[in-house]
Structure formats: C-alpha cells, structure tokens
All heavy atoms as atom14 arrays in JSON, in Angstrom:
{
  "sequence": "VGGGGRVMVRIQRASDIVRVLRWAKARNVRIALVGA",
  "atom14_mask": [
    [1, 1, 1, 1, 1, 1, 1, 0, 0, 0, 0, 0, 0, 0],
    [1, 1, 1, 1, 0, 0, 0, 0, 0, 0, 0, 0, 0, 0],
    [1, 1, 1, 1, 0, 0, 0, 0, 0, 0, 0, 0, 0, 0],
    [1, 1, 1, 1, 0, 0, 0, 0, 0, 0, 0, 0, 0, 0],
    [1, 1, 1, 1, 0, 0, 0, 0, 0, 0, 0, 0, 0, 0],
    [1, 1, 1, 1, 1, 1, 1, 1, 1, 1, 1, 0, 0, 0],
    [1, 1, 1, 1, 1, 1, 1, 0, 0, 0, 0, 0, 0, 0],
    [1, 1, 1, 1, 1, 1, 1, 1, 0, 0, 0, 0, 0, 0],
    [1, 1, 1, 1, 1, 1, 1, 0, 0, 0, 0, 0, 0, 0],
    [1, 1, 1, 1, 1, 1, 1, 1, 1, 1, 1, 0, 0, 0],
    [1, 1, 1, 1, 1, 1, 1, 1, 0, 0, 0, 0, 0, 0],
    [1, 1, 1, 1, 1, 1, 1, 1, 1, 0, 0, 0, 0, 0],
    [1, 1, 1, 1, 1, 1, 1, 1, 1, 1, 1, 0, 0, 0],
    [1, 1, 1, 1, 1, 0, 0, 0, 0, 0, 0, 0, 0, 0],
    [1, 1, 1, 1, 1, 1, 0, 0, 0, 0, 0, 0, 0, 0],
    [1, 1, 1, 1, 1, 1, 1, 1, 0, 0, 0, 0, 0, 0],
    [1, 1, 1, 1, 1, 1, 1, 1, 0, 0, 0, 0, 0, 0],
    [1, 1, 1, 1, 1, 1, 1, 0, 0, 0, 0, 0, 0, 0],
    [1, 1, 1, 1, 1, 1, 1, 1, 1, 1, 1, 0, 0, 0],
    [1, 1, 1, 1, 1, 1, 1, 0, 0, 0, 0, 0, 0, 0],
    [1, 1, 1, 1, 1, 1, 1, 1, 0, 0, 0, 0, 0, 0],
    [1, 1, 1, 1, 1, 1, 1, 1, 1, 1, 1, 0, 0, 0],
    [1, 1, 1, 1, 1, 1, 1, 1, 1, 1, 1, 1, 1, 1],
    [1, 1, 1, 1, 1, 0, 0, 0, 0, 0, 0, 0, 0, 0],
    [1, 1, 1, 1, 1, 1, 1, 1, 1, 0, 0, 0, 0, 0],
    [1, 1, 1, 1, 1, 0, 0, 0, 0, 0, 0, 0, 0, 0],
    [1, 1, 1, 1, 1, 1, 1, 1, 1, 1, 1, 0, 0, 0],
    [1, 1, 1, 1, 1, 1, 1, 1, 0, 0, 0, 0, 0, 0],
    [1, 1, 1, 1, 1, 1, 1, 0, 0, 0, 0, 0, 0, 0],
    [1, 1, 1, 1, 1, 1, 1, 1, 1, 1, 1, 0, 0, 0],
    [1, 1, 1, 1, 1, 1, 1, 1, 0, 0, 0, 0, 0, 0],
    [1, 1, 1, 1, 1, 0, 0, 0, 0, 0, 0, 0, 0, 0],
    [1, 1, 1, 1, 1, 1, 1, 1, 0, 0, 0, 0, 0, 0],
    [1, 1, 1, 1, 1, 1, 1, 0, 0, 0, 0, 0, 0, 0],
    [1, 1, 1, 1, 0, 0, 0, 0, 0, 0, 0, 0, 0, 0],
    [1, 1, 1, 1, 1, 0, 0, 0, 0, 0, 0, 0, 0, 0]
  ],
  "atom14_positions": [
    [[-3.74, 11.18, -0.07], [-2.81, 11.21, -1.19], [-1.78, 12.3, -0.94], [-2.12, 13.39, -0.5], [-3.54, 11.46, -2.52], [-2.56, 11.55, -3.68], [-4.58, 10.37, -2.78], [0.0, 0.0, 0.0], [0.0, 0.0, 0.0], [0.0, 0.0, 0.0], [0.0, 0.0, 0.0], [0.0, 0.0, 0.0], [0.0, 0.0, 0.0], [0.0, 0.0, 0.0]],
    [[-0.51, 11.99, -1.19], [0.53, 12.99, -0.96], [1.09, 12.95, 0.44], [1.5, 13.98, 0.98], [0.0, 0.0, 0.0], [0.0, 0.0, 0.0], [0.0, 0.0, 0.0], [0.0, 0.0, 0.0], [0.0, 0.0, 0.0], [0.0, 0.0, 0.0], [0.0, 0.0, 0.0], [0.0, 0.0, 0.0], [0.0, 0.0, 0.0], [0.0, 0.0, 0.0]],
    [[1.09, 11.75, 1.04], [1.69, 11.61, 2.36], [0.77, 11.92, 3.51], [1.23, 12.19, 4.62], [0.0, 0.0, 0.0], [0.0, 0.0, 0.0], [0.0, 0.0, 0.0], [0.0, 0.0, 0.0], [0.0, 0.0, 0.0], [0.0, 0.0, 0.0], [0.0, 0.0, 0.0], [0.0, 0.0, 0.0], [0.0, 0.0, 0.0], [0.0, 0.0, 0.0]],
    [[-0.53, 11.89, 3.27], [-1.49, 12.19, 4.32], [-1.75, 11.02, 5.25], [-0.83, 10.34, 5.68], [0.0, 0.0, 0.0], [0.0, 0.0, 0.0], [0.0, 0.0, 0.0], [0.0, 0.0, 0.0], [0.0, 0.0, 0.0], [0.0, 0.0, 0.0], [0.0, 0.0, 0.0], [0.0, 0.0, 0.0], [0.0, 0.0, 0.0], [0.0, 0.0, 0.0]],
    [[-3.02, 10.76, 5.57], [-3.37, 9.74, 6.55], [-3.03, 8.33, 6.11], [-2.68, 8.08, 4.95], [0.0, 0.0, 0.0], [0.0, 0.0, 0.0], [0.0, 0.0, 0.0], [0.0, 0.0, 0.0], [0.0, 0.0, 0.0], [0.0, 0.0, 0.0], [0.0, 0.0, 0.0], [0.0, 0.0, 0.0], [0.0, 0.0, 0.0], [0.0, 0.0, 0.0]],
    [[-3.16, 7.41, 7.04], [-2.79, 6.02, 6.79], [-3.9, 5.31, 6.0], [-5.08, 5.41, 6.32], [-2.57, 5.29, 8.11], [-2.09, 3.87, 7.99], [-0.65, 3.78, 7.52], [0.29, 4.18, 8.57], [1.61, 4.15, 8.42], [2.15, 3.75, 7.28], [2.4, 4.55, 9.41], [0.0, 0.0, 0.0], [0.0, 0.0, 0.0], [0.0, 0.0, 0.0]],
    [[-3.48, 4.54, 4.99], [-4.39, 3.72, 4.2], [-4.14, 2.26, 4.55], [-3.03, 1.75, 4.35], [-4.2, 3.96, 2.69], [-5.12, 3.04, 1.88], [-4.47, 5.42, 2.34], [0.0, 0.0, 0.0], [0.0, 0.0, 0.0], [0.0, 0.0, 0.0], [0.0, 0.0, 0.0], [0.0, 0.0, 0.0], [0.0, 0.0, 0.0], [0.0, 0.0, 0.0]],
    [[-5.15, 1.6, 5.09], [-5.05, 0.21, 5.5], [-5.47, -0.67, 4.32], [-6.63, -0.66, 3.91], [-5.96, -0.06, 6.7], [-5.8, 0.92, 7.85], [-4.19, 0.83, 8.65], [-4.29, -0.78, 9.44], [0.0, 0.0, 0.0], [0.0, 0.0, 0.0], [0.0, 0.0, 0.0], [0.0, 0.0, 0.0], [0.0, 0.0, 0.0], [0.0, 0.0, 0.0]],
    [[-4.52, -1.4, 3.76], [-4.77, -2.19, 2.55], [-4.88, -3.66, 2.92], [-3.91, -4.3, 3.35], [-3.64, -2.0, 1.53], [-3.94, -2.81, 0.27], [-3.47, -0.52, 1.19], [0.0, 0.0, 0.0], [0.0, 0.0, 0.0], [0.0, 0.0, 0.0], [0.0, 0.0, 0.0], [0.0, 0.0, 0.0], [0.0, 0.0, 0.0], [0.0, 0.0, 0.0]],
    [[-6.08, -4.2, 2.75], [-6.28, -5.64, 2.95], [-5.78, -6.35, 1.7], [-6.3, -6.15, 0.6], [-7.76, -5.94, 3.17], [-8.37, -5.28, 4.41], [-9.82, -5.7, 4.56], [-10.46, -5.16, 5.74], [-11.28, -4.1, 5.73], [-11.54, -3.49, 4.58], [-11.84, -3.66, 6.83], [0.0, 0.0, 0.0], [0.0, 0.0, 0.0], [0.0, 0.0, 0.0]],
    [[-4.8, -7.22, 1.89], [-4.13, -7.85, 0.75], [-3.4, -9.09, 1.24], [-3.0, -9.14, 2.42], [-3.16, -6.84, 0.09], [-2.8, -7.23, -1.33], [-1.95, -6.59, 0.95], [-2.17, -6.09, -2.12], [0.0, 0.0, 0.0], [0.0, 0.0, 0.0], [0.0, 0.0, 0.0], [0.0, 0.0, 0.0], [0.0, 0.0, 0.0], [0.0, 0.0, 0.0]],
    [[-3.2, -10.08, 0.39], [-2.59, -11.33, 0.84], [-1.41, -11.79, -0.03], [-0.35, -12.15, 0.48], [-3.63, -12.47, 0.85], [-4.86, -12.21, 1.69], [-4.61, -12.23, 3.18], [-3.53, -12.58, 3.65], [-5.61, -11.83, 3.97], [0.0, 0.0, 0.0], [0.0, 0.0, 0.0], [0.0, 0.0, 0.0], [0.0, 0.0, 0.0], [0.0, 0.0, 0.0]],
    [[-1.55, -11.78, -1.34], [-0.59, -12.41, -2.25], [0.66, -11.57, -2.42], [0.6, -10.34, -2.51], [-1.26, -12.65, -3.61], [-0.56, -13.65, -4.49], [-1.41, -14.01, -5.68], [-1.48, -12.95, -6.67], [-2.1, -13.07, -7.85], [-2.73, -14.2, -8.14], [-2.12, -12.07, -8.71], [0.0, 0.0, 0.0], [0.0, 0.0, 0.0], [0.0, 0.0, 0.0]],
    [[1.81, -12.23, -2.5], [3.09, -11.53, -2.57], [3.17, -10.6, -3.78], [3.62, -9.45, -3.68], [4.24, -12.53, -2.59], [0.0, 0.0, 0.0], [0.0, 0.0, 0.0], [0.0, 0.0, 0.0], [0.0, 0.0, 0.0], [0.0, 0.0, 0.0], [0.0, 0.0, 0.0], [0.0, 0.0, 0.0], [0.0, 0.0, 0.0], [0.0, 0.0, 0.0]],
    [[2.73, -11.06, -4.93], [2.82, -10.22, -6.14], [1.94, -8.99, -6.02], [2.31, -7.89, -6.47], [2.43, -11.03, -7.38], [1.11, -11.54, -7.25], [0.0, 0.0, 0.0], [0.0, 0.0, 0.0], [0.0, 0.0, 0.0], [0.0, 0.0, 0.0], [0.0, 0.0, 0.0], [0.0, 0.0, 0.0], [0.0, 0.0, 0.0], [0.0, 0.0, 0.0]],
    [[0.77, -9.15, -5.39], [-0.1, -8.0, -5.17], [0.53, -7.01, -4.19], [0.38, -5.8, -4.33], [-1.46, -8.45, -4.65], [-2.26, -9.25, -5.68], [-2.05, -9.03, -6.89], [-3.08, -10.08, -5.27], [0.0, 0.0, 0.0], [0.0, 0.0, 0.0], [0.0, 0.0, 0.0], [0.0, 0.0, 0.0], [0.0, 0.0, 0.0], [0.0, 0.0, 0.0]],
    [[1.22, -7.55, -3.19], [1.88, -6.69, -2.21], [2.95, -5.84, -2.9], [3.06, -4.63, -2.64], [2.48, -7.53, -1.08], [1.36, -8.14, -0.22], [3.41, -6.69, -0.21], [1.84, -9.16, 0.79], [0.0, 0.0, 0.0], [0.0, 0.0, 0.0], [0.0, 0.0, 0.0], [0.0, 0.0, 0.0], [0.0, 0.0, 0.0], [0.0, 0.0, 0.0]],
    [[3.73, -6.44, -3.77], [4.76, -5.68, -4.47], [4.13, -4.58, -5.31], [4.63, -3.44, -5.35], [5.61, -6.61, -5.36], [6.54, -5.8, -6.26], [6.42, -7.57, -4.49], [0.0, 0.0, 0.0], [0.0, 0.0, 0.0], [0.0, 0.0, 0.0], [0.0, 0.0, 0.0], [0.0, 0.0, 0.0], [0.0, 0.0, 0.0], [0.0, 0.0, 0.0]],
    [[3.02, -4.88, -5.97], [2.37, -3.87, -6.79], [1.83, -2.72, -5.95], [1.91, -1.56, -6.35], [1.24, -4.51, -7.61], [1.75, -5.35, -8.77], [0.63, -5.76, -9.71], [1.19, -6.46, -10.87], [1.36, -7.77, -10.96], [1.01, -8.55, -9.93], [1.88, -8.31, -12.04], [0.0, 0.0, 0.0], [0.0, 0.0, 0.0], [0.0, 0.0, 0.0]],
    [[1.26, -3.03, -4.79], [0.73, -1.94, -3.97], [1.86, -1.11, -3.37], [1.72, 0.1, -3.18], [-0.24, -2.47, -2.89], [0.49, -3.07, -1.69], [-1.16, -1.35, -2.41], [0.0, 0.0, 0.0], [0.0, 0.0, 0.0], [0.0, 0.0, 0.0], [0.0, 0.0, 0.0], [0.0, 0.0, 0.0], [0.0, 0.0, 0.0], [0.0, 0.0, 0.0]],
    [[3.0, -1.74, -3.1], [4.16, -0.96, -2.64], [4.61, 0.02, -3.72], [4.91, 1.19, -3.43], [5.31, -1.9, -2.26], [5.13, -2.78, -1.02], [6.32, -3.72, -0.87], [4.95, -1.94, 0.24], [0.0, 0.0, 0.0], [0.0, 0.0, 0.0], [0.0, 0.0, 0.0], [0.0, 0.0, 0.0], [0.0, 0.0, 0.0], [0.0, 0.0, 0.0]],
    [[4.66, -0.44, -4.95], [5.04, 0.44, -6.07], [4.02, 1.56, -6.24], [4.38, 2.72, -6.45], [5.15, -0.37, -7.36], [6.3, -1.37, -7.4], [6.21, -2.19, -8.68], [7.31, -3.15, -8.8], [7.38, -4.07, -9.76], [6.42, -4.14, -10.68], [8.39, -4.9, -9.8], [0.0, 0.0, 0.0], [0.0, 0.0, 0.0], [0.0, 0.0, 0.0]],
    [[2.75, 1.19, -6.2], [1.68, 2.17, -6.38], [1.75, 3.24, -5.28], [1.64, 4.44, -5.56], [0.34, 1.46, -6.35], [-0.85, 2.37, -6.5], [-1.4, 2.79, -7.67], [-1.61, 2.96, -5.44], [-2.47, 3.63, -7.4], [-2.62, 3.74, -6.05], [-1.54, 2.9, -4.05], [-3.55, 4.46, -5.3], [-2.46, 3.63, -3.3], [-3.46, 4.39, -3.92]],
    [[1.93, 2.82, -4.05], [1.97, 3.76, -2.93], [3.17, 4.69, -3.03], [3.07, 5.9, -2.74], [2.01, 2.99, -1.6], [0.0, 0.0, 0.0], [0.0, 0.0, 0.0], [0.0, 0.0, 0.0], [0.0, 0.0, 0.0], [0.0, 0.0, 0.0], [0.0, 0.0, 0.0], [0.0, 0.0, 0.0], [0.0, 0.0, 0.0], [0.0, 0.0, 0.0]],
    [[4.31, 4.16, -3.45], [5.5, 5.01, -3.59], [5.31, 6.03, -4.7], [5.64, 7.22, -4.53], [6.72, 4.14, -3.88], [8.01, 4.94, -4.02], [9.21, 4.03, -4.27], [10.49, 4.84, -4.41], [11.67, 3.97, -4.66], [0.0, 0.0, 0.0], [0.0, 0.0, 0.0], [0.0, 0.0, 0.0], [0.0, 0.0, 0.0], [0.0, 0.0, 0.0]],
    [[4.76, 5.61, -5.82], [4.59, 6.51, -6.96], [3.61, 7.64, -6.66], [3.75, 8.74, -7.2], [4.12, 5.72, -8.18], [0.0, 0.0, 0.0], [0.0, 0.0, 0.0], [0.0, 0.0, 0.0], [0.0, 0.0, 0.0], [0.0, 0.0, 0.0], [0.0, 0.0, 0.0], [0.0, 0.0, 0.0], [0.0, 0.0, 0.0], [0.0, 0.0, 0.0]],
    [[2.64, 7.38, -5.79], [1.6, 8.36, -5.52], [1.7, 8.94, -4.1], [0.82, 9.65, -3.66], [0.22, 7.74, -5.77], [-0.01, 7.51, -7.26], [-0.9, 6.35, -7.54], [-0.97, 6.09, -8.99], [-0.06, 5.39, -9.65], [0.99, 4.89, -9.02], [-0.17, 5.19, -10.95], [0.0, 0.0, 0.0], [0.0, 0.0, 0.0], [0.0, 0.0, 0.0]],
    [[2.79, 8.61, -3.42], [3.05, 9.15, -2.08], [1.87, 8.89, -1.14], [1.3, 9.82, -0.55], [3.38, 10.64, -2.14], [3.99, 11.15, -0.83], [4.42, 10.36, 0.01], [4.0, 12.45, -0.67], [0.0, 0.0, 0.0], [0.0, 0.0, 0.0], [0.0, 0.0, 0.0], [0.0, 0.0, 0.0], [0.0, 0.0, 0.0], [0.0, 0.0, 0.0]],
    [[1.5, 7.63, -1.03], [0.41, 7.21, -0.15], [0.99, 6.38, 0.99], [1.76, 5.44, 0.74], [-0.64, 6.39, -0.92], [-1.74, 5.89, 0.02], [-1.25, 7.23, -2.04], [0.0, 0.0, 0.0], [0.0, 0.0, 0.0], [0.0, 0.0, 0.0], [0.0, 0.0, 0.0], [0.0, 0.0, 0.0], [0.0, 0.0, 0.0], [0.0, 0.0, 0.0]],
    [[0.66, 6.72, 2.22], [1.15, 6.02, 3.4], [0.26, 4.81, 3.68], [-0.87, 4.97, 4.15], [1.2, 6.94, 4.63], [2.17, 8.09, 4.51], [2.05, 9.04, 5.7], [2.3, 8.35, 6.96], [1.41, 8.22, 7.94], [0.17, 8.69, 7.8], [1.72, 7.61, 9.06], [0.0, 0.0, 0.0], [0.0, 0.0, 0.0], [0.0, 0.0, 0.0]],
    [[0.76, 3.63, 3.4], [-0.06, 2.44, 3.55], [0.4, 1.59, 4.73], [1.52, 1.72, 5.21], [-0.06, 1.58, 2.27], [1.36, 1.04, 1.98], [-0.62, 2.36, 1.09], [1.39, 0.0, 0.87], [0.0, 0.0, 0.0], [0.0, 0.0, 0.0], [0.0, 0.0, 0.0], [0.0, 0.0, 0.0], [0.0, 0.0, 0.0], [0.0, 0.0, 0.0]],
    [[-0.5, 0.73, 5.19], [-0.18, -0.39, 6.05], [-0.85, -1.61, 5.43], [-1.9, -1.49, 4.79], [-0.69, -0.17, 7.47], [0.0, 0.0, 0.0], [0.0, 0.0, 0.0], [0.0, 0.0, 0.0], [0.0, 0.0, 0.0], [0.0, 0.0, 0.0], [0.0, 0.0, 0.0], [0.0, 0.0, 0.0], [0.0, 0.0, 0.0], [0.0, 0.0, 0.0]],
    [[-0.23, -2.77, 5.57], [-0.78, -4.0, 5.01], [-1.54, -4.75, 6.09], [-1.08, -4.85, 7.22], [0.34, -4.88, 4.45], [1.27, -4.24, 3.42], [2.32, -5.25, 2.96], [0.49, -3.7, 2.23], [0.0, 0.0, 0.0], [0.0, 0.0, 0.0], [0.0, 0.0, 0.0], [0.0, 0.0, 0.0], [0.0, 0.0, 0.0], [0.0, 0.0, 0.0]],
    [[-2.68, -5.3, 5.7], [-3.54, -6.05, 6.63], [-3.76, -7.45, 6.07], [-4.17, -7.6, 4.92], [-4.89, -5.35, 6.83], [-5.78, -6.15, 7.78], [-4.69, -3.93, 7.35], [0.0, 0.0, 0.0], [0.0, 0.0, 0.0], [0.0, 0.0, 0.0], [0.0, 0.0, 0.0], [0.0, 0.0, 0.0], [0.0, 0.0, 0.0], [0.0, 0.0, 0.0]],
    [[-3.49, -8.45, 6.88], [-3.57, -9.85, 6.43], [-2.21, -10.31, 5.97], [-1.48, -10.97, 6.69], [0.0, 0.0, 0.0], [0.0, 0.0, 0.0], [0.0, 0.0, 0.0], [0.0, 0.0, 0.0], [0.0, 0.0, 0.0], [0.0, 0.0, 0.0], [0.0, 0.0, 0.0], [0.0, 0.0, 0.0], [0.0, 0.0, 0.0], [0.0, 0.0, 0.0]],
    [[-1.86, -9.98, 4.72], [-0.51, -10.13, 4.19], [0.07, -11.52, 4.45], [1.19, -11.66, 4.93], [0.4, -9.05, 4.76], [0.0, 0.0, 0.0], [0.0, 0.0, 0.0], [0.0, 0.0, 0.0], [0.0, 0.0, 0.0], [0.0, 0.0, 0.0], [0.0, 0.0, 0.0], [0.0, 0.0, 0.0], [0.0, 0.0, 0.0], [0.0, 0.0, 0.0]]
  ]
}
C-alpha cells in the first residue's frame, strides 16, 4: 500500500477492471491484471 510492491489481481470482467483501477489509484497500489 502506498506505491510498494506489485499486486497481481486476477480479474476478468470489464466493469470489475474499471473498479480495481479506481481502487488502486485512490489507495496508491501498484497492480497488474491477470486474465483480464
């Protein structure tokens, strides 16, 4: 949290992807999407 290590998010649906992008930006979490 706060720009630290990479968080690998297993996720598929477009609407869920948008929500996790918002969540990661608001909490400064460095994510990568898996599956997608």
